[in-house]
Amino acid sequence: RVAPIDKMSVALTIILAFVILGEKASVQVLIGGGLIVAGSLVML
């Protein structure tokens, strides 16, 4: 239960990479990040 929630850091990193580093958002990255968040929320 702990590990999947901790891995929500991946989605947070994606957001911060867009905002701070100016990386481009692709459809695959947005969908993947959304699935990680959804999976982490299920684990809560």
PDB file of all heavy atoms in Angstrom:
ATOM      1  N   ARG A   1       0.825  -1.213   0.000  1.00  0.00           N
ATOM      2  CA  ARG A   1       0.000   0.000   0.000  1.00  0.00           C
ATOM      3  C   ARG A   1       0.859   1.262   0.000  1.00  0.00           C
ATOM      4  O   ARG A   1       0.487   2.264  -0.593  1.00  0.00           O
ATOM      5  CB  ARG A   1      -0.931   0.005   1.217  1.00  0.00           C
ATOM      6  CG  ARG A   1      -1.966  -1.109   1.113  1.00  0.00           C
ATOM      7  CD  ARG A   1      -3.100  -0.962   2.069  1.00  0.00           C
ATOM      8  NE  ARG A   1      -3.935   0.163   1.659  1.00  0.00           N
ATOM      9  CZ  ARG A   1      -4.575   0.949   2.531  1.00  0.00           C
ATOM     10  NH1 ARG A   1      -4.470   0.743   3.812  1.00  0.00           N
ATOM     11  NH2 ARG A   1      -5.320   1.937   2.098  1.00  0.00           N
ATOM     12  N   VAL A   2       1.995   1.207   0.679  1.00  0.00           N
ATOM     13  CA  VAL A   2       2.865   2.384   0.784  1.00  0.00           C
ATOM     14  C   VAL A   2       3.548   2.689  -0.555  1.00  0.00           C
ATOM     15  O   VAL A   2       3.548   3.833  -1.013  1.00  0.00           O
ATOM     16  CB  VAL A   2       3.922   2.192   1.893  1.00  0.00           C
ATOM     17  CG1 VAL A   2       4.943   3.320   1.873  1.00  0.00           C
ATOM     18  CG2 VAL A   2       3.260   2.087   3.260  1.00  0.00           C
ATOM     19  N   ALA A   3       4.114   1.679  -1.183  1.00  0.00           N
ATOM     20  CA  ALA A   3       4.903   1.895  -2.403  1.00  0.00           C
ATOM     21  C   ALA A   3       4.114   2.567  -3.526  1.00  0.00           C
ATOM     22  O   ALA A   3       4.613   3.520  -4.134  1.00  0.00           O
ATOM     23  CB  ALA A   3       5.519   0.584  -2.876  1.00  0.00           C
ATOM     24  N   PRO A   4       2.887   2.126  -3.825  1.00  0.00           N
ATOM     25  CA  PRO A   4       2.160   2.792  -4.911  1.00  0.00           C
ATOM     26  C   PRO A   4       1.851   4.264  -4.611  1.00  0.00           C
ATOM     27  O   PRO A   4       1.884   5.098  -5.516  1.00  0.00           O
ATOM     28  CB  PRO A   4       0.868   1.983  -5.044  1.00  0.00           C
ATOM     29  CG  PRO A   4       1.188   0.654  -4.467  1.00  0.00           C
ATOM     30  CD  PRO A   4       2.172   0.921  -3.370  1.00  0.00           C
ATOM     31  N   ILE A   5       1.566   4.564  -3.366  1.00  0.00           N
ATOM     32  CA  ILE A   5       1.292   5.963  -3.005  1.00  0.00           C
ATOM     33  C   ILE A   5       2.571   6.784  -3.138  1.00  0.00           C
ATOM     34  O   ILE A   5       2.566   7.889  -3.666  1.00  0.00           O
ATOM     35  CB  ILE A   5       0.684   6.059  -1.598  1.00  0.00           C
ATOM     36  CG1 ILE A   5      -0.696   5.391  -1.601  1.00  0.00           C
ATOM     37  CG2 ILE A   5       0.593   7.513  -1.145  1.00  0.00           C
ATOM     38  CD1 ILE A   5      -1.274   5.157  -0.225  1.00  0.00           C
ATOM     39  N   ASP A   6       3.691   6.205  -2.681  1.00  0.00           N
ATOM     40  CA  ASP A   6       4.985   6.879  -2.834  1.00  0.00           C
ATOM     41  C   ASP A   6       5.283   7.144  -4.306  1.00  0.00           C
ATOM     42  O   ASP A   6       5.833   8.185  -4.651  1.00  0.00           O
ATOM     43  CB  ASP A   6       6.089   6.007  -2.221  1.00  0.00           C
ATOM     44  CG  ASP A   6       7.464   6.550  -2.504  1.00  0.00           C
ATOM     45  OD1 ASP A   6       7.801   7.619  -1.952  1.00  0.00           O
ATOM     46  OD2 ASP A   6       8.203   5.930  -3.288  1.00  0.00           O
ATOM     47  N   LYS A   7       4.879   6.246  -5.161  1.00  0.00           N
ATOM     48  CA  LYS A   7       5.149   6.409  -6.594  1.00  0.00           C
ATOM     49  C   LYS A   7       4.291   7.491  -7.234  1.00  0.00           C
ATOM     50  O   LYS A   7       4.474   7.813  -8.407  1.00  0.00           O
ATOM     51  CB  LYS A   7       4.995   5.083  -7.337  1.00  0.00           C
ATOM     52  CG  LYS A   7       6.000   4.035  -6.910  1.00  0.00           C
ATOM     53  CD  LYS A   7       7.408   4.573  -6.899  1.00  0.00           C
ATOM     54  CE  LYS A   7       8.387   3.581  -6.320  1.00  0.00           C
ATOM     55  NZ  LYS A   7       9.466   4.195  -5.580  1.00  0.00           N
ATOM     56  N   MET A   8       3.365   8.057  -6.468  1.00  0.00           N
ATOM     57  CA  MET A   8       2.642   9.217  -6.981  1.00  0.00           C
ATOM     58  C   MET A   8       3.637  10.357  -7.234  1.00  0.00           C
ATOM     59  O   MET A   8       3.343  11.298  -7.959  1.00  0.00           O
ATOM     60  CB  MET A   8       1.531   9.668  -6.033  1.00  0.00           C
ATOM     61  CG  MET A   8       0.554  10.565  -6.760  1.00  0.00           C
ATOM     62  SD  MET A   8      -0.856  11.196  -5.851  1.00  0.00           S
ATOM     63  CE  MET A   8      -1.504   9.832  -4.966  1.00  0.00           C
ATOM     64  N   SER A   9       4.834  10.210  -6.675  1.00  0.00           N
ATOM     65  CA  SER A   9       5.887  11.189  -6.941  1.00  0.00           C
ATOM     66  C   SER A   9       6.180  11.281  -8.436  1.00  0.00           C
ATOM     67  O   SER A   9       6.598  12.331  -8.926  1.00  0.00           O
ATOM     68  CB  SER A   9       7.161  10.833  -6.178  1.00  0.00           C
ATOM     69  OG  SER A   9       7.695   9.604  -6.657  1.00  0.00           O
ATOM     70  N   VAL A  10       5.940  10.204  -9.161  1.00  0.00           N
ATOM     71  CA  VAL A  10       6.144  10.229 -10.619  1.00  0.00           C
ATOM     72  C   VAL A  10       5.229  11.269 -11.258  1.00  0.00           C
ATOM     73  O   VAL A  10       5.667  12.088 -12.068  1.00  0.00           O
ATOM     74  CB  VAL A  10       5.899   8.833 -11.240  1.00  0.00           C
ATOM     75  CG1 VAL A  10       5.970   8.891 -12.755  1.00  0.00           C
ATOM     76  CG2 VAL A  10       6.896   7.824 -10.686  1.00  0.00           C
ATOM     77  N   ALA A  11       3.952  11.244 -10.870  1.00  0.00           N
ATOM     78  CA  ALA A  11       2.992  12.216 -11.421  1.00  0.00           C
ATOM     79  C   ALA A  11       3.355  13.636 -10.988  1.00  0.00           C
ATOM     80  O   ALA A  11       3.282  14.574 -11.791  1.00  0.00           O
ATOM     81  CB  ALA A  11       1.579  11.864 -10.988  1.00  0.00           C
ATOM     82  N   LEU A  12       3.762  13.787  -9.742  1.00  0.00           N
ATOM     83  CA  LEU A  12       4.169  15.115  -9.264  1.00  0.00           C
ATOM     84  C   LEU A  12       5.407  15.604 -10.013  1.00  0.00           C
ATOM     85  O   LEU A  12       5.516  16.789 -10.352  1.00  0.00           O
ATOM     86  CB  LEU A  12       4.423  15.087  -7.754  1.00  0.00           C
ATOM     87  CG  LEU A  12       3.209  14.802  -6.882  1.00  0.00           C
ATOM     88  CD1 LEU A  12       3.625  14.607  -5.420  1.00  0.00           C
ATOM     89  CD2 LEU A  12       2.170  15.904  -7.003  1.00  0.00           C
ATOM     90  N   THR A  13       6.316  14.691 -10.294  1.00  0.00           N
ATOM     91  CA  THR A  13       7.515  15.047 -11.054  1.00  0.00           C
ATOM     92  C   THR A  13       7.151  15.503 -12.461  1.00  0.00           C
ATOM     93  O   THR A  13       7.729  16.470 -12.982  1.00  0.00           O
ATOM     94  CB  THR A  13       8.488  13.853 -11.119  1.00  0.00           C
ATOM     95  OG1 THR A  13       8.859  13.486  -9.793  1.00  0.00           O
ATOM     96  CG2 THR A  13       9.726  14.194 -11.934  1.00  0.00           C
ATOM     97  N   ILE A  14       6.196  14.825 -13.076  1.00  0.00           N
ATOM     98  CA  ILE A  14       5.746  15.219 -14.410  1.00  0.00           C
ATOM     99  C   ILE A  14       5.224  16.651 -14.387  1.00  0.00           C
ATOM    100  O   ILE A  14       5.593  17.478 -15.227  1.00  0.00           O
ATOM    101  CB  ILE A  14       4.665  14.237 -14.929  1.00  0.00           C
ATOM    102  CG1 ILE A  14       5.294  12.866 -15.213  1.00  0.00           C
ATOM    103  CG2 ILE A  14       3.980  14.793 -16.179  1.00  0.00           C
ATOM    104  CD1 ILE A  14       4.285  11.748 -15.442  1.00  0.00           C
ATOM    105  N   ILE A  15       4.390  16.969 -13.409  1.00  0.00           N
ATOM    106  CA  ILE A  15       3.843  18.325 -13.284  1.00  0.00           C
ATOM    107  C   ILE A  15       4.958  19.338 -13.077  1.00  0.00           C
ATOM    108  O   ILE A  15       5.013  20.378 -13.746  1.00  0.00           O
ATOM    109  CB  ILE A  15       2.813  18.395 -12.141  1.00  0.00           C
ATOM    110  CG1 ILE A  15       1.578  17.556 -12.482  1.00  0.00           C
ATOM    111  CG2 ILE A  15       2.422  19.839 -11.839  1.00  0.00           C
ATOM    112  CD1 ILE A  15       0.653  17.299 -11.307  1.00  0.00           C
ATOM    113  N   LEU A  16       5.872  19.038 -12.148  1.00  0.00           N
ATOM    114  CA  LEU A  16       6.976  19.965 -11.870  1.00  0.00           C
ATOM    115  C   LEU A  16       7.907  20.107 -13.073  1.00  0.00           C
ATOM    116  O   LEU A  16       8.446  21.192 -13.311  1.00  0.00           O
ATOM    117  CB  LEU A  16       7.752  19.510 -10.630  1.00  0.00           C
ATOM    118  CG  LEU A  16       6.990  19.602  -9.314  1.00  0.00           C
ATOM    119  CD1 LEU A  16       7.823  19.017  -8.170  1.00  0.00           C
ATOM    120  CD2 LEU A  16       6.578  21.037  -9.003  1.00  0.00           C
ATOM    121  N   ALA A  17       8.085  19.040 -13.838  1.00  0.00           N
ATOM    122  CA  ALA A  17       8.923  19.120 -15.044  1.00  0.00           C
ATOM    123  C   ALA A  17       8.310  20.073 -16.061  1.00  0.00           C
ATOM    124  O   ALA A  17       9.025  20.812 -16.739  1.00  0.00           O
ATOM    125  CB  ALA A  17       9.116  17.736 -15.649  1.00  0.00           C
ATOM    126  N   PHE A  18       6.973  20.077 -16.157  1.00  0.00           N
ATOM    127  CA  PHE A  18       6.296  21.003 -17.066  1.00  0.00           C
ATOM    128  C   PHE A  18       6.445  22.428 -16.554  1.00  0.00           C
ATOM    129  O   PHE A  18       6.806  23.334 -17.299  1.00  0.00           O
ATOM    130  CB  PHE A  18       4.805  20.675 -17.186  1.00  0.00           C
ATOM    131  CG  PHE A  18       4.496  19.324 -17.777  1.00  0.00           C
ATOM    132  CD1 PHE A  18       3.321  18.683 -17.462  1.00  0.00           C
ATOM    133  CD2 PHE A  18       5.368  18.695 -18.654  1.00  0.00           C
ATOM    134  CE1 PHE A  18       3.011  17.436 -18.003  1.00  0.00           C
ATOM    135  CE2 PHE A  18       5.077  17.449 -19.204  1.00  0.00           C
ATOM    136  CZ  PHE A  18       3.894  16.826 -18.869  1.00  0.00           C
ATOM    137  N   VAL A  19       6.161  22.629 -15.272  1.00  0.00           N
ATOM    138  CA  VAL A  19       6.104  23.974 -14.695  1.00  0.00           C
ATOM    139  C   VAL A  19       7.500  24.585 -14.519  1.00  0.00           C
ATOM    140  O   VAL A  19       7.740  25.719 -14.918  1.00  0.00           O
ATOM    141  CB  VAL A  19       5.354  23.951 -13.340  1.00  0.00           C
ATOM    142  CG1 VAL A  19       5.412  25.297 -12.642  1.00  0.00           C
ATOM    143  CG2 VAL A  19       3.903  23.518 -13.538  1.00  0.00           C
ATOM    144  N   ILE A  20       8.408  23.827 -13.926  1.00  0.00           N
ATOM    145  CA  ILE A  20       9.723  24.388 -13.575  1.00  0.00           C
ATOM    146  C   ILE A  20      10.746  24.232 -14.701  1.00  0.00           C
ATOM    147  O   ILE A  20      11.490  25.160 -15.011  1.00  0.00           O
ATOM    148  CB  ILE A  20      10.250  23.749 -12.271  1.00  0.00           C
ATOM    149  CG1 ILE A  20       9.315  24.102 -11.100  1.00  0.00           C
ATOM    150  CG2 ILE A  20      11.678  24.199 -11.975  1.00  0.00           C
ATOM    151  CD1 ILE A  20       9.620  23.383  -9.809  1.00  0.00           C
ATOM    152  N   LEU A  21      10.775  23.046 -15.311  1.00  0.00           N
ATOM    153  CA  LEU A  21      11.790  22.780 -16.333  1.00  0.00           C
ATOM    154  C   LEU A  21      11.343  23.126 -17.741  1.00  0.00           C
ATOM    155  O   LEU A  21      12.145  23.114 -18.669  1.00  0.00           O
ATOM    156  CB  LEU A  21      12.215  21.304 -16.281  1.00  0.00           C
ATOM    157  CG  LEU A  21      12.788  20.815 -14.952  1.00  0.00           C
ATOM    158  CD1 LEU A  21      13.098  19.326 -15.029  1.00  0.00           C
ATOM    159  CD2 LEU A  21      14.026  21.618 -14.561  1.00  0.00           C
ATOM    160  N   GLY A  22      10.053  23.415 -17.907  1.00  0.00           N
ATOM    161  CA  GLY A  22       9.539  23.774 -19.217  1.00  0.00           C
ATOM    162  C   GLY A  22       9.463  22.620 -20.196  1.00  0.00           C
ATOM    163  O   GLY A  22       9.462  22.830 -21.412  1.00  0.00           O
ATOM    164  N   GLU A  23       9.392  21.382 -19.684  1.00  0.00           N
ATOM    165  CA  GLU A  23       9.283  20.230 -20.574  1.00  0.00           C
ATOM    166  C   GLU A  23       7.915  20.212 -21.237  1.00  0.00           C
ATOM    167  O   GLU A  23       6.949  20.743 -20.717  1.00  0.00           O
ATOM    168  CB  GLU A  23       9.535  18.933 -19.793  1.00  0.00           C
ATOM    169  CG  GLU A  23      10.964  18.831 -19.298  1.00  0.00           C
ATOM    170  CD  GLU A  23      11.265  17.518 -18.591  1.00  0.00           C
ATOM    171  OE1 GLU A  23      10.387  16.625 -18.542  1.00  0.00           O
ATOM    172  OE2 GLU A  23      12.396  17.394 -18.083  1.00  0.00           O
ATOM    173  N   LYS A  24       7.843  19.605 -22.404  1.00  0.00           N
ATOM    174  CA  LYS A  24       6.607  19.548 -23.176  1.00  0.00           C
ATOM    175  C   LYS A  24       5.727  18.399 -22.690  1.00  0.00           C
ATOM    176  O   LYS A  24       6.216  17.319 -22.368  1.00  0.00           O
ATOM    177  CB  LYS A  24       6.901  19.359 -24.658  1.00  0.00           C
ATOM    178  CG  LYS A  24       7.776  20.446 -25.243  1.00  0.00           C
ATOM    179  CD  LYS A  24       7.024  21.758 -25.340  1.00  0.00           C
ATOM    180  CE  LYS A  24       7.890  22.805 -25.993  1.00  0.00           C
ATOM    181  NZ  LYS A  24       7.832  24.083 -25.369  1.00  0.00           N
ATOM    182  N   ALA A  25       4.419  18.643 -22.670  1.00  0.00           N
ATOM    183  CA  ALA A  25       3.451  17.621 -22.267  1.00  0.00           C
ATOM    184  C   ALA A  25       2.986  16.852 -23.500  1.00  0.00           C
ATOM    185  O   ALA A  25       2.437  17.440 -24.414  1.00  0.00           O
ATOM    186  CB  ALA A  25       2.264  18.284 -21.580  1.00  0.00           C
ATOM    187  N   SER A  26       3.227  15.556 -23.515  1.00  0.00           N
ATOM    188  CA  SER A  26       2.707  14.724 -24.601  1.00  0.00           C
ATOM    189  C   SER A  26       1.458  13.999 -24.096  1.00  0.00           C
ATOM    190  O   SER A  26       1.241  13.879 -22.889  1.00  0.00           O
ATOM    191  CB  SER A  26       3.761  13.701 -25.047  1.00  0.00           C
ATOM    192  OG  SER A  26       3.948  12.722 -24.044  1.00  0.00           O
ATOM    193  N   VAL A  27       0.678  13.511 -25.009  1.00  0.00           N
ATOM    194  CA  VAL A  27      -0.539  12.779 -24.655  1.00  0.00           C
ATOM    195  C   VAL A  27      -0.177  11.541 -23.825  1.00  0.00           C
ATOM    196  O   VAL A  27      -0.826  11.247 -22.813  1.00  0.00           O
ATOM    197  CB  VAL A  27      -1.333  12.384 -25.922  1.00  0.00           C
ATOM    198  CG1 VAL A  27      -2.490  11.464 -25.582  1.00  0.00           C
ATOM    199  CG2 VAL A  27      -1.826  13.625 -26.649  1.00  0.00           C
ATOM    200  N   GLN A  28       0.867  10.828 -24.232  1.00  0.00           N
ATOM    201  CA  GLN A  28       1.272   9.628 -23.506  1.00  0.00           C
ATOM    202  C   GLN A  28       1.670   9.955 -22.069  1.00  0.00           C
ATOM    203  O   GLN A  28       1.292   9.238 -21.140  1.00  0.00           O
ATOM    204  CB  GLN A  28       2.451   8.926 -24.204  1.00  0.00           C
ATOM    205  CG  GLN A  28       2.122   8.335 -25.538  1.00  0.00           C
ATOM    206  CD  GLN A  28       2.372   9.326 -26.686  1.00  0.00           C
ATOM    207  OE1 GLN A  28       2.466  10.539 -26.492  1.00  0.00           O
ATOM    208  NE2 GLN A  28       2.442   8.795 -27.894  1.00  0.00           N
ATOM    209  N   VAL A  29       2.422  11.020 -21.873  1.00  0.00           N
ATOM    210  CA  VAL A  29       2.866  11.395 -20.535  1.00  0.00           C
ATOM    211  C   VAL A  29       1.671  11.803 -19.673  1.00  0.00           C
ATOM    212  O   VAL A  29       1.564  11.416 -18.508  1.00  0.00           O
ATOM    213  CB  VAL A  29       3.915  12.533 -20.599  1.00  0.00           C
ATOM    214  CG1 VAL A  29       4.186  13.118 -19.223  1.00  0.00           C
ATOM    215  CG2 VAL A  29       5.213  12.018 -21.212  1.00  0.00           C
ATOM    216  N   LEU A  30       0.748  12.563 -20.242  1.00  0.00           N
ATOM    217  CA  LEU A  30      -0.431  12.992 -19.484  1.00  0.00           C
ATOM    218  C   LEU A  30      -1.324  11.806 -19.104  1.00  0.00           C
ATOM    219  O   LEU A  30      -1.797  11.711 -17.964  1.00  0.00           O
ATOM    220  CB  LEU A  30      -1.218  14.034 -20.272  1.00  0.00           C
ATOM    221  CG  LEU A  30      -0.514  15.378 -20.467  1.00  0.00           C
ATOM    222  CD1 LEU A  30      -1.325  16.275 -21.383  1.00  0.00           C
ATOM    223  CD2 LEU A  30      -0.242  16.047 -19.136  1.00  0.00           C
ATOM    224  N   ILE A  31      -1.541  10.891 -20.043  1.00  0.00           N
ATOM    225  CA  ILE A  31      -2.350   9.708 -19.745  1.00  0.00           C
ATOM    226  C   ILE A  31      -1.647   8.834 -18.703  1.00  0.00           C
ATOM    227  O   ILE A  31      -2.264   8.387 -17.728  1.00  0.00           O
ATOM    228  CB  ILE A  31      -2.653   8.911 -21.024  1.00  0.00           C
ATOM    229  CG1 ILE A  31      -3.608   9.704 -21.931  1.00  0.00           C
ATOM    230  CG2 ILE A  31      -3.247   7.537 -20.686  1.00  0.00           C
ATOM    231  CD1 ILE A  31      -3.803   9.091 -23.301  1.00  0.00           C
ATOM    232  N   GLY A  32      -0.375   8.596 -18.901  1.00  0.00           N
ATOM    233  CA  GLY A  32       0.389   7.781 -17.949  1.00  0.00           C
ATOM    234  C   GLY A  32       0.391   8.386 -16.553  1.00  0.00           C
ATOM    235  O   GLY A  32       0.176   7.690 -15.559  1.00  0.00           O
ATOM    236  N   GLY A  33       0.612   9.689 -16.477  1.00  0.00           N
ATOM    237  CA  GLY A  33       0.586  10.373 -15.182  1.00  0.00           C
ATOM    238  C   GLY A  33      -0.781  10.284 -14.524  1.00  0.00           C
ATOM    239  O   GLY A  33      -0.897  10.051 -13.319  1.00  0.00           O
ATOM    240  N   GLY A  34      -1.828  10.437 -15.334  1.00  0.00           N
ATOM    241  CA  GLY A  34      -3.191  10.323 -14.809  1.00  0.00           C
ATOM    242  C   GLY A  34      -3.479   8.933 -14.273  1.00  0.00           C
ATOM    243  O   GLY A  34      -4.125   8.778 -13.230  1.00  0.00           O
ATOM    244  N   LEU A  35      -2.995   7.913 -14.973  1.00  0.00           N
ATOM    245  CA  LEU A  35      -3.191   6.537 -14.509  1.00  0.00           C
ATOM    246  C   LEU A  35      -2.433   6.269 -13.202  1.00  0.00           C
ATOM    247  O   LEU A  35      -2.934   5.559 -12.322  1.00  0.00           O
ATOM    248  CB  LEU A  35      -2.763   5.544 -15.593  1.00  0.00           C
ATOM    249  CG  LEU A  35      -3.660   5.488 -16.825  1.00  0.00           C
ATOM    250  CD1 LEU A  35      -3.022   4.637 -17.924  1.00  0.00           C
ATOM    251  CD2 LEU A  35      -5.038   4.955 -16.455  1.00  0.00           C
ATOM    252  N   ILE A  36      -1.249   6.850 -13.080  1.00  0.00           N
ATOM    253  CA  ILE A  36      -0.485   6.698 -11.834  1.00  0.00           C
ATOM    254  C   ILE A  36      -1.249   7.332 -10.678  1.00  0.00           C
ATOM    255  O   ILE A  36      -1.380   6.744  -9.602  1.00  0.00           O
ATOM    256  CB  ILE A  36       0.929   7.311 -11.970  1.00  0.00           C
ATOM    257  CG1 ILE A  36       1.768   6.460 -12.925  1.00  0.00           C
ATOM    258  CG2 ILE A  36       1.607   7.430 -10.611  1.00  0.00           C
ATOM    259  CD1 ILE A  36       3.058   7.105 -13.354  1.00  0.00           C
ATOM    260  N   VAL A  37      -1.773   8.523 -10.895  1.00  0.00           N
ATOM    261  CA  VAL A  37      -2.554   9.191  -9.848  1.00  0.00           C
ATOM    262  C   VAL A  37      -3.787   8.366  -9.494  1.00  0.00           C
ATOM    263  O   VAL A  37      -4.088   8.137  -8.317  1.00  0.00           O
ATOM    264  CB  VAL A  37      -2.952  10.620 -10.271  1.00  0.00           C
ATOM    265  CG1 VAL A  37      -3.961  11.220  -9.302  1.00  0.00           C
ATOM    266  CG2 VAL A  37      -1.714  11.509 -10.372  1.00  0.00           C
ATOM    267  N   ALA A  38      -4.498   7.884 -10.516  1.00  0.00           N
ATOM    268  CA  ALA A  38      -5.701   7.084 -10.268  1.00  0.00           C
ATOM    269  C   ALA A  38      -5.359   5.823  -9.476  1.00  0.00           C
ATOM    270  O   ALA A  38      -6.048   5.489  -8.500  1.00  0.00           O
ATOM    271  CB  ALA A  38      -6.373   6.717 -11.598  1.00  0.00           C
ATOM    272  N   GLY A  39      -4.300   5.148  -9.859  1.00  0.00           N
ATOM    273  CA  GLY A  39      -3.879   3.949  -9.139  1.00  0.00           C
ATOM    274  C   GLY A  39      -3.487   4.241  -7.705  1.00  0.00           C
ATOM    275  O   GLY A  39      -3.823   3.495  -6.781  1.00  0.00           O
ATOM    276  N   SER A  40      -2.787   5.340  -7.500  1.00  0.00           N
ATOM    277  CA  SER A  40      -2.383   5.726  -6.142  1.00  0.00           C
ATOM    278  C   SER A  40      -3.591   6.054  -5.283  1.00  0.00           C
ATOM    279  O   SER A  40      -3.651   5.691  -4.111  1.00  0.00           O
ATOM    280  CB  SER A  40      -1.435   6.933  -6.190  1.00  0.00           C
ATOM    281  OG  SER A  40      -0.244   6.578  -6.865  1.00  0.00           O
ATOM    282  N   LEU A  41      -4.570   6.734  -5.859  1.00  0.00           N
ATOM    283  CA  LEU A  41      -5.789   7.068  -5.101  1.00  0.00           C
ATOM    284  C   LEU A  41      -6.565   5.805  -4.726  1.00  0.00           C
ATOM    285  O   LEU A  41      -7.112   5.707  -3.628  1.00  0.00           O
ATOM    286  CB  LEU A  41      -6.655   8.041  -5.894  1.00  0.00           C
ATOM    287  CG  LEU A  41      -6.064   9.442  -6.077  1.00  0.00           C
ATOM    288  CD1 LEU A  41      -6.954  10.278  -6.991  1.00  0.00           C
ATOM    289  CD2 LEU A  41      -5.838  10.130  -4.744  1.00  0.00           C
ATOM    290  N   VAL A  42      -6.600   4.834  -5.628  1.00  0.00           N
ATOM    291  CA  VAL A  42      -7.234   3.549  -5.317  1.00  0.00           C
ATOM    292  C   VAL A  42      -6.558   2.908  -4.117  1.00  0.00           C
ATOM    293  O   VAL A  42      -7.205   2.333  -3.242  1.00  0.00           O
ATOM    294  CB  VAL A  42      -7.224   2.606  -6.546  1.00  0.00           C
ATOM    295  CG1 VAL A  42      -7.609   1.183  -6.163  1.00  0.00           C
ATOM    296  CG2 VAL A  42      -8.131   3.147  -7.641  1.00  0.00           C
ATOM    297  N   MET A  43      -5.250   3.013  -4.042  1.00  0.00           N
ATOM    298  CA  MET A  43      -4.481   2.403  -2.940  1.00  0.00           C
ATOM    299  C   MET A  43      -4.759   3.082  -1.595  1.00  0.00           C
ATOM    300  O   MET A  43      -4.534   2.500  -0.547  1.00  0.00           O
ATOM    301  CB  MET A  43      -2.988   2.444  -3.232  1.00  0.00           C
ATOM    302  CG  MET A  43      -2.597   1.683  -4.486  1.00  0.00           C
ATOM    303  SD  MET A  43      -3.136  -0.030  -4.513  1.00  0.00           S
ATOM    304  CE  MET A  43      -2.035  -0.739  -3.342  1.00  0.00           C
ATOM    305  N   LEU A  44      -5.269   4.308  -1.617  1.00  0.00           N
ATOM    306  CA  LEU A  44      -5.578   5.006  -0.362  1.00  0.00           C
ATOM    307  C   LEU A  44      -6.825   4.431   0.310  1.00  0.00           C
ATOM    308  O   LEU A  44      -6.987   4.530   1.507  1.00  0.00           O
ATOM    309  CB  LEU A  44      -5.801   6.505  -0.629  1.00  0.00           C
ATOM    310  CG  LEU A  44      -4.548   7.318  -0.915  1.00  0.00           C
ATOM    311  CD1 LEU A  44      -4.938   8.725  -1.351  1.00  0.00           C
ATOM    312  CD2 LEU A  44      -3.644   7.368   0.291  1.00  0.00           C
TER     313      LEU A  44
END
